[in-house]
Amino acid sequence: MRTWAINVLGAQGDFDVLPTIGSKELIAFLPGFLEARTVLYPEVAYPTYLVGALLAHANAVAVGFDATTWPQADLVWINSPSNPTGRIASTQELQSAITYGRTHGAVIASDECYFNFPADENGEKPQSILSVANGDNTGLLAIHSLSKRSNMAGYRAGLIVGDPALINRIREIRKHAGELLPAPIQAAMAAALGDEAHVKEQAARYAARRRVLAPALVELGFRVDETKAGLYIWCTRDESDMDSVKALAELGVLTTPGHFYGAAGNRHIRVALTATDHEIATAAARIHQAAISKSRN
């Protein structure tokens, strides 16, 4: 796992690796493990960041991308590529988050579960926060999941990489809570992390589905925003998210309203690329036909 962190994530310097029971559990319980009193999380984000803060009875504050505007906190979640938007944080933004952590004594937890899935193999590539830390991983944690990377959701296999002191603290707490990952699962993780071929194949599959579905959505009047990586399309028709959900549901296409990911997402929808190729093609065809009918009326 250390070799994978060095070769794939670009980790340098002193770091530790800890297998976790998936990434969701770690995200939900990290504020409690760290006894965080204030937790910052993206204003459009995976809901478990907020839930984890609430479970720890911490003050949860939704923030934008600019770290210079963040208030004082103990723990900061960043998510690149983002769920739901697919946005990729720039090198400058990652470095700015690190600077914030150093200045304020905060832990920076970088959720990188969609790291392996750029929207276009020739386009912008995600990067781990560990690759821009210049070998100083103090206060930094990178969270990864084999549920996404290797389609191993049923294995509940994830891992964190970063500050050895932080990881040792988490390890000791989890050990007493009985949250130990079985050895056979760890062996399966090691085998999966040693193979990048299947990951590239999966990334190409998602990229191909995106190329089928995104143009159809645009044809029906949607604008695709961000969506530089990940397993989703984040789009809007500048209307209520529920109106967009309803319009597509009438075509037999199910989507997720953006407000599920925070009030700032209430005019967007998240369209998943996790259905089969046939189902994606069918959805695109229905949307295309709807666009043709709309243009004729």
Protein backbone atom coordinates (compact mmCIF):
# COMPACT_ATOMS: atom_id res chain seq x y z
CA MET A 1 0.00 0.00 0.00
CA ARG A 2 2.92 2.34 0.67
CA THR A 3 4.27 1.68 -2.82
CA TRP A 4 0.87 2.56 -4.30
CA ALA A 5 0.77 5.79 -2.27
CA ILE A 6 4.19 6.79 -3.57
CA ASN A 7 3.72 5.76 -7.20
CA VAL A 8 0.08 6.74 -7.71
CA LEU A 9 -0.66 9.49 -5.17
CA GLY A 10 2.80 11.04 -5.30
CA ALA A 11 3.23 10.83 -1.52
CA GLN A 12 6.64 11.91 -0.24
CA GLY A 13 8.38 12.19 3.11
CA ASP A 14 7.16 10.49 6.28
CA PHE A 15 3.66 9.04 6.06
CA ASP A 16 1.61 6.11 7.31
CA VAL A 17 -1.19 4.05 5.75
CA LEU A 18 -4.23 2.67 7.59
CA PRO A 19 -6.88 0.40 6.02
CA THR A 20 -10.43 1.42 6.95
CA ILE A 21 -13.86 -0.22 6.82
CA GLY A 22 -14.73 1.65 3.66
CA SER A 23 -14.40 5.43 3.55
CA LYS A 24 -17.91 6.35 4.73
CA GLU A 25 -17.30 5.09 8.28
CA LEU A 26 -14.04 7.01 8.51
CA ILE A 27 -15.67 10.20 7.24
CA ALA A 28 -18.58 9.84 9.66
CA PHE A 29 -16.39 9.23 12.71
CA LEU A 30 -13.24 11.28 12.05
CA PRO A 31 -14.55 14.44 13.78
CA GLY A 32 -15.23 12.36 16.89
CA PHE A 33 -11.85 10.61 16.74
CA LEU A 34 -10.13 14.01 16.58
CA GLU A 35 -12.48 15.65 19.12
CA ALA A 36 -13.07 18.46 16.64
CA ARG A 37 -15.14 21.37 17.89
CA THR A 38 -15.55 23.11 14.51
CA VAL A 39 -15.63 21.31 11.16
CA LEU A 40 -15.53 23.00 7.76
CA TYR A 41 -16.90 21.23 4.69
CA PRO A 42 -17.69 22.23 1.07
CA GLU A 43 -20.93 24.13 0.55
CA VAL A 44 -21.93 21.62 -2.15
CA ALA A 45 -20.83 18.25 -0.81
CA TYR A 46 -21.29 14.63 0.12
CA PRO A 47 -23.76 14.75 3.07
CA THR A 48 -21.66 12.58 5.42
CA TYR A 49 -19.22 15.44 6.13
CA LEU A 50 -22.06 17.30 7.83
CA VAL A 51 -23.47 14.17 9.47
CA GLY A 52 -20.05 13.30 10.92
CA ALA A 53 -19.74 16.76 12.44
CA LEU A 54 -23.22 16.48 13.94
CA LEU A 55 -22.44 13.05 15.41
CA ALA A 56 -19.42 14.60 17.14
CA HIS A 57 -21.56 17.52 18.40
CA ALA A 58 -19.22 19.85 16.50
CA ASN A 59 -20.07 23.16 14.90
CA ALA A 60 -20.39 22.46 11.15
CA VAL A 61 -19.70 25.32 8.70
CA ALA A 62 -20.16 25.09 4.92
CA VAL A 63 -17.47 27.02 3.02
CA GLY A 64 -16.41 27.88 -0.52
CA PHE A 65 -13.12 27.07 -2.24
CA ASP A 66 -11.10 30.08 -1.06
CA ALA A 67 -9.16 29.04 2.05
CA THR A 68 -8.34 32.66 2.86
CA THR A 69 -12.02 33.16 3.78
CA TRP A 70 -12.33 30.13 6.07
CA PRO A 71 -13.03 30.71 9.78
CA GLN A 72 -11.07 29.04 12.56
CA ALA A 73 -11.64 25.28 12.70
CA ASP A 74 -10.13 22.03 13.99
CA LEU A 75 -10.94 19.88 10.95
CA VAL A 76 -11.42 20.84 7.30
CA TRP A 77 -12.87 18.54 4.65
CA ILE A 78 -11.88 19.11 1.06
CA ASN A 79 -13.13 16.89 -1.75
CA SER A 80 -11.38 16.65 -5.10
CA PRO A 81 -12.71 15.43 -7.42
CA SER A 82 -15.97 16.56 -5.88
CA ASN A 83 -19.06 14.51 -5.29
CA PRO A 84 -21.45 15.69 -6.73
CA THR A 85 -19.94 18.31 -9.04
CA GLY A 86 -16.83 16.60 -10.41
CA ARG A 87 -14.80 19.74 -9.74
CA ILE A 88 -11.02 19.28 -9.48
CA ALA A 89 -9.16 21.46 -6.98
CA SER A 90 -6.21 23.33 -8.45
CA THR A 91 -2.67 22.97 -7.15
CA GLN A 92 -2.95 26.48 -5.71
CA GLU A 93 -6.18 25.61 -3.88
CA LEU A 94 -4.63 22.49 -2.38
CA GLN A 95 -1.54 24.42 -1.28
CA SER A 96 -3.76 27.16 0.16
CA ALA A 97 -5.64 24.52 2.20
CA ILE A 98 -2.31 23.20 3.52
CA THR A 99 -1.25 26.74 4.47
CA TYR A 100 -4.56 27.23 6.29
CA GLY A 101 -4.00 24.01 8.23
CA ARG A 102 -0.46 25.01 9.23
CA THR A 103 -1.59 28.52 10.26
CA HIS A 104 -4.68 27.49 12.22
CA GLY A 105 -3.52 24.16 13.61
CA ALA A 106 -6.29 22.35 11.73
CA VAL A 107 -6.32 18.87 10.24
CA ILE A 108 -6.91 18.92 6.48
CA ALA A 109 -8.77 15.79 5.39
CA SER A 110 -8.78 15.38 1.62
CA ASP A 111 -11.46 13.02 0.33
CA GLU A 112 -9.99 11.70 -2.92
CA CYS A 113 -12.32 8.77 -3.60
CA TYR A 114 -12.89 9.79 -7.25
CA PHE A 115 -9.18 10.41 -7.88
CA ASN A 116 -8.95 7.74 -10.58
CA PHE A 117 -11.71 8.98 -12.87
CA PRO A 118 -10.90 12.08 -14.95
CA ALA A 119 -13.66 12.99 -17.40
CA ASP A 120 -11.22 12.85 -20.32
CA GLU A 121 -7.95 10.95 -20.39
CA ASN A 122 -6.40 13.91 -22.22
CA GLY A 123 -7.97 16.51 -19.95
CA GLU A 124 -7.37 17.80 -16.44
CA LYS A 125 -6.08 15.18 -14.00
CA PRO A 126 -6.92 15.09 -10.28
CA GLN A 127 -4.03 15.18 -7.83
CA SER A 128 -3.64 14.10 -4.23
CA ILE A 129 -3.00 16.70 -1.57
CA LEU A 130 0.03 14.60 -0.60
CA SER A 131 1.64 15.29 -3.97
CA VAL A 132 1.81 19.04 -3.28
CA ALA A 133 2.86 18.86 0.39
CA ASN A 134 6.61 18.80 -0.42
CA GLY A 135 7.13 15.83 1.87
CA ASP A 136 5.67 17.51 4.97
CA ASN A 137 2.47 15.60 5.71
CA THR A 138 1.88 17.09 9.15
CA GLY A 139 -1.85 17.52 9.72
CA LEU A 140 -2.77 15.98 6.34
CA LEU A 141 -4.94 12.94 5.62
CA ALA A 142 -5.85 11.62 2.16
CA ILE A 143 -8.92 9.34 2.11
CA HIS A 144 -9.36 6.70 -0.60
CA SER A 145 -11.90 3.99 -1.35
CA LEU A 146 -11.69 0.79 -3.35
CA SER A 147 -15.49 0.88 -3.64
CA LYS A 148 -15.07 3.38 -6.45
CA ARG A 149 -11.56 2.64 -7.72
CA SER A 150 -12.00 -1.14 -8.06
CA ASN A 151 -15.77 -1.76 -7.83
CA MET A 152 -15.23 -3.35 -4.38
CA ALA A 153 -18.15 -1.71 -2.57
CA GLY A 154 -19.22 -4.97 -0.90
CA TYR A 155 -15.74 -5.47 0.55
CA ARG A 156 -15.97 -2.26 2.65
CA ALA A 157 -12.34 -1.51 1.81
CA GLY A 158 -10.82 1.95 2.13
CA LEU A 159 -7.64 3.53 3.41
CA ILE A 160 -6.17 6.75 4.74
CA VAL A 161 -2.68 7.99 3.99
CA GLY A 162 -0.85 10.84 5.67
CA ASP A 163 0.46 12.21 8.96
CA PRO A 164 1.81 9.22 10.97
CA ALA A 165 0.95 10.80 14.33
CA LEU A 166 -2.67 11.40 13.32
CA ILE A 167 -3.04 7.94 11.84
CA ASN A 168 -1.59 6.34 14.96
CA ARG A 169 -4.14 8.23 17.08
CA ILE A 170 -6.96 7.04 14.83
CA ARG A 171 -5.61 3.48 14.83
CA GLU A 172 -5.60 3.30 18.63
CA ILE A 173 -9.16 4.58 18.95
CA ARG A 174 -10.50 2.28 16.23
CA LYS A 175 -8.74 -0.69 17.80
CA HIS A 176 -10.66 -0.22 21.04
CA ALA A 177 -13.89 0.26 19.08
CA GLY A 178 -13.34 -3.05 17.28
CA GLU A 179 -13.17 -1.39 13.85
CA LEU A 180 -10.46 -3.67 12.49
CA LEU A 181 -10.38 -4.67 8.83
CA PRO A 182 -10.18 -8.47 8.39
CA ALA A 183 -6.90 -9.82 6.99
CA PRO A 184 -8.52 -11.38 3.87
CA ILE A 185 -9.98 -7.98 2.93
CA GLN A 186 -6.59 -6.34 3.42
CA ALA A 187 -5.03 -8.98 1.16
CA ALA A 188 -7.66 -8.27 -1.50
CA MET A 189 -6.95 -4.55 -1.16
CA ALA A 190 -3.22 -5.10 -1.65
CA ALA A 191 -3.89 -7.13 -4.80
CA ALA A 192 -6.25 -4.48 -6.21
CA LEU A 193 -3.89 -1.60 -5.41
CA GLY A 194 -1.14 -3.48 -7.22
CA ASP A 195 -3.08 -3.40 -10.50
CA GLU A 196 -3.71 -0.15 -12.35
CA ALA A 197 -4.89 -1.78 -15.59
CA HIS A 198 -8.43 -2.46 -14.35
CA VAL A 199 -8.65 1.10 -12.99
CA LYS A 200 -7.80 2.62 -16.37
CA GLU A 201 -10.33 0.33 -18.00
CA GLN A 202 -13.01 1.49 -15.57
CA ALA A 203 -12.07 5.14 -16.07
CA ALA A 204 -12.42 4.72 -19.83
CA ARG A 205 -15.85 3.15 -19.33
CA TYR A 206 -17.12 6.13 -17.31
CA ALA A 207 -15.62 8.59 -19.79
CA ALA A 208 -17.38 6.83 -22.66
CA ARG A 209 -20.72 6.95 -20.84
CA ARG A 210 -20.22 10.65 -20.20
CA ARG A 211 -19.64 11.27 -23.90
CA VAL A 212 -22.97 9.55 -24.64
CA LEU A 213 -25.13 11.19 -21.97
CA ALA A 214 -23.78 14.74 -21.59
CA PRO A 215 -24.56 15.90 -25.18
CA ALA A 216 -28.13 14.63 -24.88
CA LEU A 217 -28.64 16.65 -21.68
CA VAL A 218 -27.23 19.75 -23.38
CA GLU A 219 -29.59 19.16 -26.30
CA LEU A 220 -32.52 19.27 -23.85
CA GLY A 221 -31.38 22.64 -22.50
CA PHE A 222 -29.10 21.64 -19.65
CA ARG A 223 -25.73 23.26 -19.00
CA VAL A 224 -23.02 20.95 -17.69
CA ASP A 225 -20.98 22.66 -14.97
CA GLU A 226 -17.60 21.53 -13.61
CA THR A 227 -17.75 17.75 -14.16
CA LYS A 228 -14.00 17.41 -14.74
CA ALA A 229 -13.87 13.99 -13.07
CA GLY A 230 -15.82 11.42 -11.09
CA LEU A 231 -18.87 9.27 -11.76
CA TYR A 232 -21.50 11.97 -12.27
CA ILE A 233 -22.69 14.83 -14.47
CA TRP A 234 -23.57 18.04 -12.61
CA CYS A 235 -25.96 20.09 -14.70
CA THR A 236 -28.67 22.75 -14.61
CA ARG A 237 -31.40 24.39 -16.68
CA ASP A 238 -31.43 27.38 -14.30
CA GLU A 239 -34.63 26.11 -12.74
CA SER A 240 -35.55 24.40 -9.49
CA ASP A 241 -33.70 21.12 -9.14
CA MET A 242 -36.99 19.35 -8.47
CA ASP A 243 -38.41 20.67 -11.76
CA SER A 244 -35.42 19.18 -13.57
CA VAL A 245 -35.78 15.89 -11.69
CA LYS A 246 -39.46 15.74 -12.59
CA ALA A 247 -38.86 16.49 -16.27
CA LEU A 248 -36.35 13.67 -16.60
CA ALA A 249 -38.40 11.29 -14.45
CA GLU A 250 -41.24 11.66 -16.94
CA LEU A 251 -38.82 10.21 -19.49
CA GLY A 252 -37.97 7.33 -17.17
CA VAL A 253 -34.59 8.83 -16.27
CA LEU A 254 -33.92 9.06 -12.53
CA THR A 255 -31.59 11.76 -11.20
CA THR A 256 -30.70 13.28 -7.83
CA PRO A 257 -31.75 16.84 -6.87
CA GLY A 258 -28.81 19.10 -6.09
CA HIS A 259 -30.20 20.31 -2.78
CA PHE A 260 -29.40 16.86 -1.36
CA TYR A 261 -25.79 18.13 -1.36
CA GLY A 262 -26.49 21.52 0.21
CA ALA A 263 -28.69 24.53 -0.40
CA ALA A 264 -26.17 25.95 -2.88
CA GLY A 265 -26.97 23.04 -5.22
CA ASN A 266 -30.72 23.65 -5.43
CA ARG A 267 -30.70 24.57 -9.13
CA HIS A 268 -28.59 21.63 -10.27
CA ILE A 269 -29.08 17.88 -10.56
CA ARG A 270 -26.60 15.00 -10.30
CA VAL A 271 -26.80 12.42 -13.08
CA ALA A 272 -24.99 9.16 -12.33
CA LEU A 273 -22.87 7.25 -14.83
CA THR A 274 -23.07 4.04 -12.82
CA ALA A 275 -25.84 2.38 -14.83
CA THR A 276 -24.91 -0.11 -17.56
CA ASP A 277 -23.77 1.03 -21.00
CA HIS A 278 -27.12 -0.11 -22.41
CA GLU A 279 -29.08 1.84 -19.80
CA ILE A 280 -26.99 4.96 -20.39
CA ALA A 281 -27.56 4.69 -24.14
CA THR A 282 -31.30 4.19 -23.58
CA ALA A 283 -31.48 7.25 -21.31
CA ALA A 284 -29.58 9.36 -23.84
CA ALA A 285 -31.94 8.25 -26.63
CA ARG A 286 -35.01 9.19 -24.60
CA ILE A 287 -33.56 12.59 -23.76
CA HIS A 288 -32.62 13.13 -27.42
CA GLN A 289 -36.17 12.32 -28.56
CA ALA A 290 -37.59 14.69 -25.92
CA ALA A 291 -35.32 17.45 -27.19
CA ILE A 292 -36.51 16.87 -30.77
CA SER A 293 -40.16 16.96 -29.68
CA LYS A 294 -39.55 20.14 -27.70
CA SER A 295 -37.95 21.88 -30.68
CA ARG A 296 -40.95 21.05 -32.85
CA ASN A 297 -43.49 22.49 -30.41
